[in-house]
Amino acid sequence: NLENLDIKSEGLSNGSFSSHSLLGDVFLSAKYEAENIKKLYQQNNSKIKLTEEKDKESICRALRYSFADLGDIIRGKDLWDHKDFKKLEKHLQKIFGKIKEELKSKINDKYEDNSEGKHTKFREDWWEANRAKVWEAMQCPKKIPPPGVDIKCDQTGVPLD
């Protein structure tokens, strides 16, 4: 997941690739988190198929909470006091610094205040620009699911954070 970002990889260390590479990592993290939520729900509730409406409601609620948590992490608002989170936060600060530097001529000093290296406003705008696709990734199965296992939550749009 995101706590294992390799900021030395070419995708994340090269400013011209950083935004796309980070987005790919966020997509994968969202997708695997959603798969894990569904799998754990099935295991903890001794379910083979998820056909009941209450199953869908429970899973969708968990997906929305996870989506909101991911948004908080990206925006630097999840202040969880854990060494993995602190490491992730430092990585995200570096990555967003590289993205911001690469886009400097296009953003025309819109993000001059970088909130002591946290790039808070820039991160919020990045999340806002990409959140619908992240939500889509959370709901996208890795293969065509068997009947009774496909859960689609989003009938009214992307959840609010």
Foldseek 3Di string as FASTA:
>chain_A
DLLPDDCVDCQQVALVNLLVVVLVVLLVVLQVVLVVLLVVLCVVVVHPFQADPVSLVVSLVVSLVVLVVSLCLLLVNPPDPDPSSVSSQVSSLNSLVSNCVVCVVVCPCPQVPCPVSNNNVSSNVSCVVCSQVSSVSNQDHPDDDDPRRRHDDDPPGGDDD
